[in-house]
Amino acid sequence: MEAVFRDGGHQYKVSEGDTLDIEYREAESGSKLEFSEVLLVGEGAEARIGTPTVSGAKVVAKVIGPVKGKKVIVTKFRRRKDSRTRRGHRQSYLRVQVESIEA
């Protein structure tokens, strides 16, 4: 069974057993997260599409732990001004594994 849910301004298409990185929040490893804003649930002809969400549907995921994304380097350069800045950034994510999709 597949589902599309919304969390933190992003939409994720998942099935049971998938591992994904969501926006970081304080959560202990091994705890459960429930996502109730399910936009679509099911596959093929029996897919249920919400208006805007499917009532009674939720995605339950287990928290694996915090991870960091790829490093992004931002460089600002102004020619002939002797002005250069270089700054790096690594976004924090929370890795979760989808345990069940309830519709």
PDB file of N, CA and C in Angstrom:
ATOM      1  N   MET A   1       0.848  -1.176   0.000  1.00  0.00           N
ATOM      2  CA  MET A   1       0.000   0.000   0.000  1.00  0.00           C
ATOM      3  C   MET A   1       0.893   1.239   0.000  1.00  0.00           C
ATOM      4  N   GLU A   2       0.517   2.228  -0.760  1.00  0.00           N
ATOM      5  CA  GLU A   2       1.266   3.477  -0.846  1.00  0.00           C
ATOM      6  C   GLU A   2       0.436   4.622  -0.280  1.00  0.00           C
ATOM      7  N   ALA A   3       1.137   5.670   0.110  1.00  0.00           N
ATOM      8  CA  ALA A   3       0.461   6.851   0.625  1.00  0.00           C
ATOM      9  C   ALA A   3       1.295   8.080   0.299  1.00  0.00           C
ATOM     10  N   VAL A   4       0.610   9.206   0.183  1.00  0.00           N
ATOM     11  CA  VAL A   4       1.263  10.503   0.046  1.00  0.00           C
ATOM     12  C   VAL A   4       0.794  11.323   1.245  1.00  0.00           C
ATOM     13  N   PHE A   5       1.762  11.816   2.035  1.00  0.00           N
ATOM     14  CA  PHE A   5       1.392  12.626   3.186  1.00  0.00           C
ATOM     15  C   PHE A   5       2.175  13.927   3.172  1.00  0.00           C
ATOM     16  N   ARG A   6       1.669  14.911   3.921  1.00  0.00           N
ATOM     17  CA  ARG A   6       2.274  16.238   3.984  1.00  0.00           C
ATOM     18  C   ARG A   6       2.819  16.448   5.391  1.00  0.00           C
ATOM     19  N   ASP A   7       4.065  16.973   5.431  1.00  0.00           N
ATOM     20  CA  ASP A   7       4.687  17.263   6.717  1.00  0.00           C
ATOM     21  C   ASP A   7       5.680  18.392   6.525  1.00  0.00           C
ATOM     22  N   GLY A   8       5.509  19.466   7.250  1.00  0.00           N
ATOM     23  CA  GLY A   8       6.454  20.565   7.232  1.00  0.00           C
ATOM     24  C   GLY A   8       6.599  21.241   5.883  1.00  0.00           C
ATOM     25  N   GLY A   9       5.529  21.346   5.117  1.00  0.00           N
ATOM     26  CA  GLY A   9       5.595  22.005   3.828  1.00  0.00           C
ATOM     27  C   GLY A   9       6.090  21.115   2.699  1.00  0.00           C
ATOM     28  N   HIS A  10       6.364  19.837   2.990  1.00  0.00           N
ATOM     29  CA  HIS A  10       6.825  18.895   1.976  1.00  0.00           C
ATOM     30  C   HIS A  10       5.815  17.763   1.844  1.00  0.00           C
ATOM     31  N   GLN A  11       5.768  17.150   0.666  1.00  0.00           N
ATOM     32  CA  GLN A  11       4.942  15.974   0.453  1.00  0.00           C
ATOM     33  C   GLN A  11       5.846  14.779   0.197  1.00  0.00           C
ATOM     34  N   TYR A  12       5.507  13.640   0.795  1.00  0.00           N
ATOM     35  CA  TYR A  12       6.316  12.435   0.692  1.00  0.00           C
ATOM     36  C   TYR A  12       5.446  11.288   0.196  1.00  0.00           C
ATOM     37  N   LYS A  13       5.943  10.557  -0.816  1.00  0.00           N
ATOM     38  CA  LYS A  13       5.270   9.356  -1.299  1.00  0.00           C
ATOM     39  C   LYS A  13       5.999   8.169  -0.696  1.00  0.00           C
ATOM     40  N   VAL A  14       5.285   7.360   0.101  1.00  0.00           N
ATOM     41  CA  VAL A  14       5.919   6.267   0.832  1.00  0.00           C
ATOM     42  C   VAL A  14       5.112   4.990   0.708  1.00  0.00           C
ATOM     43  N   SER A  15       5.770   3.886   0.971  1.00  0.00           N
ATOM     44  CA  SER A  15       5.113   2.604   1.164  1.00  0.00           C
ATOM     45  C   SER A  15       5.696   1.999   2.445  1.00  0.00           C
ATOM     46  N   GLU A  16       5.109   0.919   2.917  1.00  0.00           N
ATOM     47  CA  GLU A  16       5.547   0.333   4.185  1.00  0.00           C
ATOM     48  C   GLU A  16       6.987  -0.172   4.070  1.00  0.00           C
ATOM     49  N   GLY A  17       7.803   0.150   5.076  1.00  0.00           N
ATOM     50  CA  GLY A  17       9.193  -0.269   5.092  1.00  0.00           C
ATOM     51  C   GLY A  17      10.160   0.762   4.522  1.00  0.00           C
ATOM     52  N   ASP A  18       9.659   1.841   3.926  1.00  0.00           N
ATOM     53  CA  ASP A  18      10.526   2.879   3.359  1.00  0.00           C
ATOM     54  C   ASP A  18      11.222   3.670   4.458  1.00  0.00           C
ATOM     55  N   THR A  19      12.428   4.142   4.157  1.00  0.00           N
ATOM     56  CA  THR A  19      13.180   5.011   5.050  1.00  0.00           C
ATOM     57  C   THR A  19      13.300   6.364   4.380  1.00  0.00           C
ATOM     58  N   LEU A  20      13.000   7.440   5.111  1.00  0.00           N
ATOM     59  CA  LEU A  20      13.095   8.768   4.527  1.00  0.00           C
ATOM     60  C   LEU A  20      13.569   9.765   5.561  1.00  0.00           C
ATOM     61  N   ASP A  21      14.068  10.900   5.060  1.00  0.00           N
ATOM     62  CA  ASP A  21      14.553  11.978   5.908  1.00  0.00           C
ATOM     63  C   ASP A  21      13.542  13.111   5.872  1.00  0.00           C
ATOM     64  N   ILE A  22      13.032  13.483   7.042  1.00  0.00           N
ATOM     65  CA  ILE A  22      12.065  14.573   7.145  1.00  0.00           C
ATOM     66  C   ILE A  22      12.726  15.744   7.862  1.00  0.00           C
ATOM     67  N   GLU A  23      12.017  16.858   7.954  1.00  0.00           N
ATOM     68  CA  GLU A  23      12.559  18.013   8.656  1.00  0.00           C
ATOM     69  C   GLU A  23      12.836  17.656  10.115  1.00  0.00           C
ATOM     70  N   TYR A  24      13.911  18.226  10.644  1.00  0.00           N
ATOM     71  CA  TYR A  24      14.344  17.887  11.996  1.00  0.00           C
ATOM     72  C   TYR A  24      13.360  18.385  13.038  1.00  0.00           C
ATOM     73  N   ARG A  25      13.147  17.559  14.040  1.00  0.00           N
ATOM     74  CA  ARG A  25      12.379  17.912  15.237  1.00  0.00           C
ATOM     75  C   ARG A  25      12.906  17.064  16.380  1.00  0.00           C
ATOM     76  N   GLU A  26      12.657  17.501  17.583  1.00  0.00           N
ATOM     77  CA  GLU A  26      13.125  16.756  18.753  1.00  0.00           C
ATOM     78  C   GLU A  26      12.297  15.480  18.888  1.00  0.00           C
ATOM     79  N   ALA A  27      12.957  14.335  18.777  1.00  0.00           N
ATOM     80  CA  ALA A  27      12.303  13.043  18.966  1.00  0.00           C
ATOM     81  C   ALA A  27      13.380  12.027  19.338  1.00  0.00           C
ATOM     82  N   GLU A  28      13.046  11.142  20.242  1.00  0.00           N
ATOM     83  CA  GLU A  28      14.000  10.127  20.680  1.00  0.00           C
ATOM     84  C   GLU A  28      14.041   8.971  19.690  1.00  0.00           C
ATOM     85  N   SER A  29      15.205   8.369  19.553  1.00  0.00           N
ATOM     86  CA  SER A  29      15.345   7.201  18.688  1.00  0.00           C
ATOM     87  C   SER A  29      14.481   6.065  19.217  1.00  0.00           C
ATOM     88  N   GLY A  30      13.756   5.410  18.328  1.00  0.00           N
ATOM     89  CA  GLY A  30      12.882   4.313  18.717  1.00  0.00           C
ATOM     90  C   GLY A  30      11.453   4.735  18.991  1.00  0.00           C
ATOM     91  N   SER A  31      11.199   6.042  19.113  1.00  0.00           N
ATOM     92  CA  SER A  31       9.830   6.494  19.361  1.00  0.00           C
ATOM     93  C   SER A  31       9.033   6.487  18.059  1.00  0.00           C
ATOM     94  N   LYS A  32       7.736   6.665  18.163  1.00  0.00           N
ATOM     95  CA  LYS A  32       6.833   6.620  17.011  1.00  0.00           C
ATOM     96  C   LYS A  32       6.361   8.031  16.657  1.00  0.00           C
ATOM     97  N   LEU A  33       6.211   8.284  15.359  1.00  0.00           N
ATOM     98  CA  LEU A  33       5.627   9.519  14.858  1.00  0.00           C
ATOM     99  C   LEU A  33       4.404   9.166  14.031  1.00  0.00           C
ATOM    100  N   GLU A  34       3.333   9.963  14.164  1.00  0.00           N
ATOM    101  CA  GLU A  34       2.128   9.753  13.367  1.00  0.00           C
ATOM    102  C   GLU A  34       1.920  10.965  12.469  1.00  0.00           C
ATOM    103  N   PHE A  35       1.704  10.706  11.201  1.00  0.00           N
ATOM    104  CA  PHE A  35       1.420  11.754  10.232  1.00  0.00           C
ATOM    105  C   PHE A  35      -0.036  11.586   9.813  1.00  0.00           C
ATOM    106  N   SER A  36      -0.868  12.562  10.180  1.00  0.00           N
ATOM    107  CA  SER A  36      -2.299  12.432   9.925  1.00  0.00           C
ATOM    108  C   SER A  36      -2.764  13.200   8.692  1.00  0.00           C
ATOM    109  N   GLU A  37      -1.911  14.026   8.104  1.00  0.00           N
ATOM    110  CA  GLU A  37      -2.290  14.765   6.897  1.00  0.00           C
ATOM    111  C   GLU A  37      -1.991  13.911   5.660  1.00  0.00           C
ATOM    112  N   VAL A  38      -2.780  12.855   5.463  1.00  0.00           N
ATOM    113  CA  VAL A  38      -2.591  11.938   4.340  1.00  0.00           C
ATOM    114  C   VAL A  38      -3.416  12.456   3.163  1.00  0.00           C
ATOM    115  N   LEU A  39      -2.763  12.690   2.030  1.00  0.00           N
ATOM    116  CA  LEU A  39      -3.423  13.244   0.852  1.00  0.00           C
ATOM    117  C   LEU A  39      -3.941  12.163  -0.085  1.00  0.00           C
ATOM    118  N   LEU A  40      -3.272  11.007  -0.118  1.00  0.00           N
ATOM    119  CA  LEU A  40      -3.679   9.904  -0.982  1.00  0.00           C
ATOM    120  C   LEU A  40      -3.271   8.607  -0.312  1.00  0.00           C
ATOM    121  N   VAL A  41      -4.124   7.598  -0.407  1.00  0.00           N
ATOM    122  CA  VAL A  41      -3.796   6.297   0.166  1.00  0.00           C
ATOM    123  C   VAL A  41      -4.309   5.212  -0.772  1.00  0.00           C
ATOM    124  N   GLY A  42      -3.533   4.148  -0.937  1.00  0.00           N
ATOM    125  CA  GLY A  42      -3.920   3.049  -1.821  1.00  0.00           C
ATOM    126  C   GLY A  42      -3.123   3.067  -3.109  1.00  0.00           C
ATOM    127  N   GLU A  43      -3.415   2.076  -3.962  1.00  0.00           N
ATOM    128  CA  GLU A  43      -2.723   1.952  -5.236  1.00  0.00           C
ATOM    129  C   GLU A  43      -3.726   1.690  -6.348  1.00  0.00           C
ATOM    130  N   GLY A  44      -3.409   2.156  -7.531  1.00  0.00           N
ATOM    131  CA  GLY A  44      -4.195   1.845  -8.729  1.00  0.00           C
ATOM    132  C   GLY A  44      -5.632   2.330  -8.652  1.00  0.00           C
ATOM    133  N   ALA A  45      -6.572   1.421  -8.989  1.00  0.00           N
ATOM    134  CA  ALA A  45      -7.987   1.786  -9.073  1.00  0.00           C
ATOM    135  C   ALA A  45      -8.614   2.028  -7.704  1.00  0.00           C
ATOM    136  N   GLU A  46      -8.093   1.376  -6.653  1.00  0.00           N
ATOM    137  CA  GLU A  46      -8.696   1.550  -5.333  1.00  0.00           C
ATOM    138  C   GLU A  46      -8.035   2.653  -4.510  1.00  0.00           C
ATOM    139  N   ALA A  47      -7.309   3.565  -5.141  1.00  0.00           N
ATOM    140  CA  ALA A  47      -6.677   4.688  -4.435  1.00  0.00           C
ATOM    141  C   ALA A  47      -7.744   5.673  -3.983  1.00  0.00           C
ATOM    142  N   ARG A  48      -7.600   6.127  -2.728  1.00  0.00           N
ATOM    143  CA  ARG A  48      -8.517   7.129  -2.182  1.00  0.00           C
ATOM    144  C   ARG A  48      -7.793   8.463  -2.139  1.00  0.00           C
ATOM    145  N   ILE A  49      -8.379   9.474  -2.768  1.00  0.00           N
ATOM    146  CA  ILE A  49      -7.788  10.804  -2.828  1.00  0.00           C
ATOM    147  C   ILE A  49      -8.572  11.709  -1.889  1.00  0.00           C
ATOM    148  N   GLY A  50      -7.859  12.435  -1.053  1.00  0.00           N
ATOM    149  CA  GLY A  50      -8.504  13.297  -0.072  1.00  0.00           C
ATOM    150  C   GLY A  50      -8.900  14.637  -0.647  1.00  0.00           C
ATOM    151  N   THR A  51      -9.801  15.306   0.063  1.00  0.00           N
ATOM    152  CA  THR A  51     -10.241  16.659  -0.321  1.00  0.00           C
ATOM    153  C   THR A  51     -10.173  17.574   0.893  1.00  0.00           C
ATOM    154  N   PRO A  52      -9.109  18.087   1.369  1.00  0.00           N
ATOM    155  CA  PRO A  52      -7.742  17.882   0.913  1.00  0.00           C
ATOM    156  C   PRO A  52      -7.062  16.667   1.534  1.00  0.00           C
ATOM    157  N   THR A  53      -7.578  16.128   2.665  1.00  0.00           N
ATOM    158  CA  THR A  53      -6.952  14.959   3.277  1.00  0.00           C
ATOM    159  C   THR A  53      -7.946  13.812   3.357  1.00  0.00           C
ATOM    160  N   VAL A  54      -7.437  12.602   3.461  1.00  0.00           N
ATOM    161  CA  VAL A  54      -8.259  11.410   3.613  1.00  0.00           C
ATOM    162  C   VAL A  54      -8.604  11.276   5.091  1.00  0.00           C
ATOM    163  N   SER A  55      -9.892  11.257   5.407  1.00  0.00           N
ATOM    164  CA  SER A  55     -10.289  11.192   6.807  1.00  0.00           C
ATOM    165  C   SER A  55     -10.024   9.800   7.375  1.00  0.00           C
ATOM    166  N   GLY A  56      -9.464   9.770   8.579  1.00  0.00           N
ATOM    167  CA  GLY A  56      -9.193   8.516   9.267  1.00  0.00           C
ATOM    168  C   GLY A  56      -7.910   7.830   8.854  1.00  0.00           C
ATOM    169  N   ALA A  57      -7.185   8.369   7.898  1.00  0.00           N
ATOM    170  CA  ALA A  57      -5.934   7.737   7.450  1.00  0.00           C
ATOM    171  C   ALA A  57      -4.754   8.357   8.176  1.00  0.00           C
ATOM    172  N   LYS A  58      -3.736   7.525   8.433  1.00  0.00           N
ATOM    173  CA  LYS A  58      -2.517   8.038   9.044  1.00  0.00           C
ATOM    174  C   LYS A  58      -1.349   7.138   8.673  1.00  0.00           C
ATOM    175  N   VAL A  59      -0.168   7.715   8.737  1.00  0.00           N
ATOM    176  CA  VAL A  59       1.073   6.987   8.477  1.00  0.00           C
ATOM    177  C   VAL A  59       1.846   6.950   9.788  1.00  0.00           C
ATOM    178  N   VAL A  60       2.236   5.767  10.225  1.00  0.00           N
ATOM    179  CA  VAL A  60       2.980   5.600  11.471  1.00  0.00           C
ATOM    180  C   VAL A  60       4.419   5.250  11.111  1.00  0.00           C
ATOM    181  N   ALA A  61       5.369   5.997  11.696  1.00  0.00           N
ATOM    182  CA  ALA A  61       6.785   5.783  11.401  1.00  0.00           C
ATOM    183  C   ALA A  61       7.577   5.700  12.701  1.00  0.00           C
ATOM    184  N   LYS A  62       8.672   4.938  12.654  1.00  0.00           N
ATOM    185  CA  LYS A  62       9.569   4.794  13.793  1.00  0.00           C
ATOM    186  C   LYS A  62      10.788   5.677  13.565  1.00  0.00           C
ATOM    187  N   VAL A  63      11.187   6.426  14.584  1.00  0.00           N
ATOM    188  CA  VAL A  63      12.331   7.326  14.490  1.00  0.00           C
ATOM    189  C   VAL A  63      13.618   6.509  14.576  1.00  0.00           C
ATOM    190  N   ILE A  64      14.497   6.700  13.582  1.00  0.00           N
ATOM    191  CA  ILE A  64      15.804   6.047  13.601  1.00  0.00           C
ATOM    192  C   ILE A  64      16.818   6.962  14.280  1.00  0.00           C
ATOM    193  N   GLY A  65      16.796   8.247  13.924  1.00  0.00           N
ATOM    194  CA  GLY A  65      17.702   9.189  14.569  1.00  0.00           C
ATOM    195  C   GLY A  65      18.006  10.385  13.696  1.00  0.00           C
ATOM    196  N   PRO A  66      18.703  11.372  14.251  1.00  0.00           N
ATOM    197  CA  PRO A  66      19.044  12.564  13.467  1.00  0.00           C
ATOM    198  C   PRO A  66      20.208  12.289  12.517  1.00  0.00           C
ATOM    199  N   VAL A  67      20.155  12.912  11.342  1.00  0.00           N
ATOM    200  CA  VAL A  67      21.232  12.830  10.355  1.00  0.00           C
ATOM    201  C   VAL A  67      21.460  14.226   9.794  1.00  0.00           C
ATOM    202  N   LYS A  68      22.617  14.416   9.157  1.00  0.00           N
ATOM    203  CA  LYS A  68      22.911  15.685   8.511  1.00  0.00           C
ATOM    204  C   LYS A  68      22.972  15.479   7.016  1.00  0.00           C
ATOM    205  N   GLY A  69      22.505  16.487   6.282  1.00  0.00           N
ATOM    206  CA  GLY A  69      22.506  16.423   4.829  1.00  0.00           C
ATOM    207  C   GLY A  69      23.863  16.760   4.244  1.00  0.00           C
ATOM    208  N   LYS A  70      23.896  16.837   2.925  1.00  0.00           N
ATOM    209  CA  LYS A  70      25.113  17.161   2.204  1.00  0.00           C
ATOM    210  C   LYS A  70      25.518  18.605   2.490  1.00  0.00           C
ATOM    211  N   LYS A  71      26.814  18.863   2.548  1.00  0.00           N
ATOM    212  CA  LYS A  71      27.297  20.206   2.820  1.00  0.00           C
ATOM    213  C   LYS A  71      27.130  21.084   1.584  1.00  0.00           C
ATOM    214  N   VAL A  72      26.598  22.279   1.803  1.00  0.00           N
ATOM    215  CA  VAL A  72      26.400  23.250   0.730  1.00  0.00           C
ATOM    216  C   VAL A  72      27.322  24.426   0.998  1.00  0.00           C
ATOM    217  N   ILE A  73      28.102  24.814   0.002  1.00  0.00           N
ATOM    218  CA  ILE A  73      29.022  25.939   0.118  1.00  0.00           C
ATOM    219  C   ILE A  73      28.426  27.132  -0.618  1.00  0.00           C
ATOM    220  N   VAL A  74      28.311  28.270   0.073  1.00  0.00           N
ATOM    221  CA  VAL A  74      27.807  29.498  -0.522  1.00  0.00           C
ATOM    222  C   VAL A  74      28.972  30.470  -0.610  1.00  0.00           C
ATOM    223  N   THR A  75      29.246  30.965  -1.826  1.00  0.00           N
ATOM    224  CA  THR A  75      30.342  31.887  -2.049  1.00  0.00           C
ATOM    225  C   THR A  75      29.816  33.172  -2.649  1.00  0.00           C
ATOM    226  N   LYS A  76      30.205  34.298  -2.075  1.00  0.00           N
ATOM    227  CA  LYS A  76      29.869  35.601  -2.638  1.00  0.00           C
ATOM    228  C   LYS A  76      31.178  36.252  -3.081  1.00  0.00           C
ATOM    229  N   PHE A  77      31.204  36.718  -4.311  1.00  0.00           N
ATOM    230  CA  PHE A  77      32.427  37.266  -4.879  1.00  0.00           C
ATOM    231  C   PHE A  77      32.090  38.547  -5.637  1.00  0.00           C
ATOM    232  N   ARG A  78      32.773  39.622  -5.275  1.00  0.00           N
ATOM    233  CA  ARG A  78      32.602  40.892  -5.995  1.00  0.00           C
ATOM    234  C   ARG A  78      33.929  41.219  -6.661  1.00  0.00           C
ATOM    235  N   ARG A  79      33.949  41.274  -7.950  1.00  0.00           N
ATOM    236  CA  ARG A  79      35.204  41.472  -8.665  1.00  0.00           C
ATOM    237  C   ARG A  79      35.789  42.855  -8.406  1.00  0.00           C
ATOM    238  N   ARG A  80      37.105  42.897  -8.332  1.00  0.00           N
ATOM    239  CA  ARG A  80      37.896  44.119  -8.153  1.00  0.00           C
ATOM    240  C   ARG A  80      37.587  44.866  -6.853  1.00  0.00           C
ATOM    241  N   LYS A  81      36.956  44.250  -5.905  1.00  0.00           N
ATOM    242  CA  LYS A  81      36.614  44.925  -4.647  1.00  0.00           C
ATOM    243  C   LYS A  81      37.332  44.299  -3.452  1.00  0.00           C
ATOM    244  N   ASP A  82      38.088  43.242  -3.681  1.00  0.00           N
ATOM    245  CA  ASP A  82      38.735  42.497  -2.610  1.00  0.00           C
ATOM    246  C   ASP A  82      37.703  42.053  -1.571  1.00  0.00           C
ATOM    247  N   SER A  83      36.564  41.573  -2.066  1.00  0.00           N
ATOM    248  CA  SER A  83      35.473  41.166  -1.193  1.00  0.00           C
ATOM    249  C   SER A  83      35.062  39.744  -1.558  1.00  0.00           C
ATOM    250  N   ARG A  84      35.382  38.804  -0.693  1.00  0.00           N
ATOM    251  CA  ARG A  84      35.004  37.410  -0.894  1.00  0.00           C
ATOM    252  C   ARG A  84      34.518  36.851   0.433  1.00  0.00           C
ATOM    253  N   THR A  85      33.402  36.164   0.399  1.00  0.00           N
ATOM    254  CA  THR A  85      32.930  35.457   1.584  1.00  0.00           C
ATOM    255  C   THR A  85      32.604  34.028   1.188  1.00  0.00           C
ATOM    256  N   ARG A  86      32.856  33.100   2.087  1.00  0.00           N
ATOM    257  CA  ARG A  86      32.590  31.693   1.840  1.00  0.00           C
ATOM    258  C   ARG A  86      31.981  31.124   3.112  1.00  0.00           C
ATOM    259  N   ARG A  87      30.835  30.519   2.967  1.00  0.00           N
ATOM    260  CA  ARG A  87      30.122  29.993   4.125  1.00  0.00           C
ATOM    261  C   ARG A  87      29.543  28.620   3.786  1.00  0.00           C
ATOM    262  N   GLY A  88      29.636  27.690   4.715  1.00  0.00           N
ATOM    263  CA  GLY A  88      29.092  26.356   4.520  1.00  0.00           C
ATOM    264  C   GLY A  88      27.865  26.126   5.392  1.00  0.00           C
ATOM    265  N   HIS A  89      27.038  25.166   4.976  1.00  0.00           N
ATOM    266  CA  HIS A  89      25.822  24.857   5.723  1.00  0.00           C
ATOM    267  C   HIS A  89      25.494  23.376   5.547  1.00  0.00           C
ATOM    268  N   ARG A  90      25.118  22.723   6.632  1.00  0.00           N
ATOM    269  CA  ARG A  90      24.614  21.351   6.586  1.00  0.00           C
ATOM    270  C   ARG A  90      23.273  21.308   7.286  1.00  0.00           C
ATOM    271  N   GLN A  91      22.242  20.938   6.549  1.00  0.00           N
ATOM    272  CA  GLN A  91      20.889  20.880   7.084  1.00  0.00           C
ATOM    273  C   GLN A  91      20.718  19.634   7.948  1.00  0.00           C
ATOM    274  N   SER A  92      20.030  19.762   9.057  1.00  0.00           N
ATOM    275  CA  SER A  92      19.734  18.621   9.925  1.00  0.00           C
ATOM    276  C   SER A  92      18.402  18.007   9.516  1.00  0.00           C
ATOM    277  N   TYR A  93      18.354  16.675   9.487  1.00  0.00           N
ATOM    278  CA  TYR A  93      17.146  15.937   9.161  1.00  0.00           C
ATOM    279  C   TYR A  93      16.891  14.901  10.242  1.00  0.00           C
ATOM    280  N   LEU A  94      15.693  14.341  10.220  1.00  0.00           N
ATOM    281  CA  LEU A  94      15.337  13.246  11.121  1.00  0.00           C
ATOM    282  C   LEU A  94      15.004  12.043  10.246  1.00  0.00           C
ATOM    283  N   ARG A  95      15.740  10.959  10.410  1.00  0.00           N
ATOM    284  CA  ARG A  95      15.510   9.764   9.600  1.00  0.00           C
ATOM    285  C   ARG A  95      14.459   8.902  10.274  1.00  0.00           C
ATOM    286  N   VAL A  96      13.423   8.519   9.505  1.00  0.00           N
ATOM    287  CA  VAL A  96      12.339   7.690  10.019  1.00  0.00           C
ATOM    288  C   VAL A  96      12.115   6.526   9.063  1.00  0.00           C
ATOM    289  N   GLN A  97      11.533   5.457   9.600  1.00  0.00           N
ATOM    290  CA  GLN A  97      11.168   4.293   8.798  1.00  0.00           C
ATOM    291  C   GLN A  97       9.664   4.064   8.942  1.00  0.00           C
ATOM    292  N   VAL A  98       8.982   3.978   7.812  1.00  0.00           N
ATOM    293  CA  VAL A  98       7.526   3.817   7.800  1.00  0.00           C
ATOM    294  C   VAL A  98       7.195   2.395   8.232  1.00  0.00           C
ATOM    295  N   GLU A  99       6.377   2.273   9.288  1.00  0.00           N
ATOM    296  CA  GLU A  99       5.993   0.965   9.791  1.00  0.00           C
ATOM    297  C   GLU A  99       4.641   0.524   9.252  1.00  0.00           C
ATOM    298  N   SER A 100       3.667   1.440   9.233  1.00  0.00           N
ATOM    299  CA  SER A 100       2.341   1.045   8.763  1.00  0.00           C
ATOM    300  C   SER A 100       1.615   2.250   8.165  1.00  0.00           C
ATOM    301  N   ILE A 101       0.725   1.912   7.239  1.00  0.00           N
ATOM    302  CA  ILE A 101      -0.168   2.902   6.631  1.00  0.00           C
ATOM    303  C   ILE A 101      -1.580   2.447   6.941  1.00  0.00           C
ATOM    304  N   GLU A 102      -2.299   3.257   7.710  1.00  0.00           N
ATOM    305  CA  GLU A 102      -3.651   2.889   8.138  1.00  0.00           C
ATOM    306  C   GLU A 102      -4.661   3.755   7.404  1.00  0.00           C
ATOM    307  N   ALA A 103      -5.633   3.089   6.766  1.00  0.00           N
ATOM    308  CA  ALA A 103      -6.623   3.850   6.009  1.00  0.00           C
ATOM    309  C   ALA A 103      -8.017   3.555   6.536  1.00  0.00           C
TER     310      ALA A 103
END
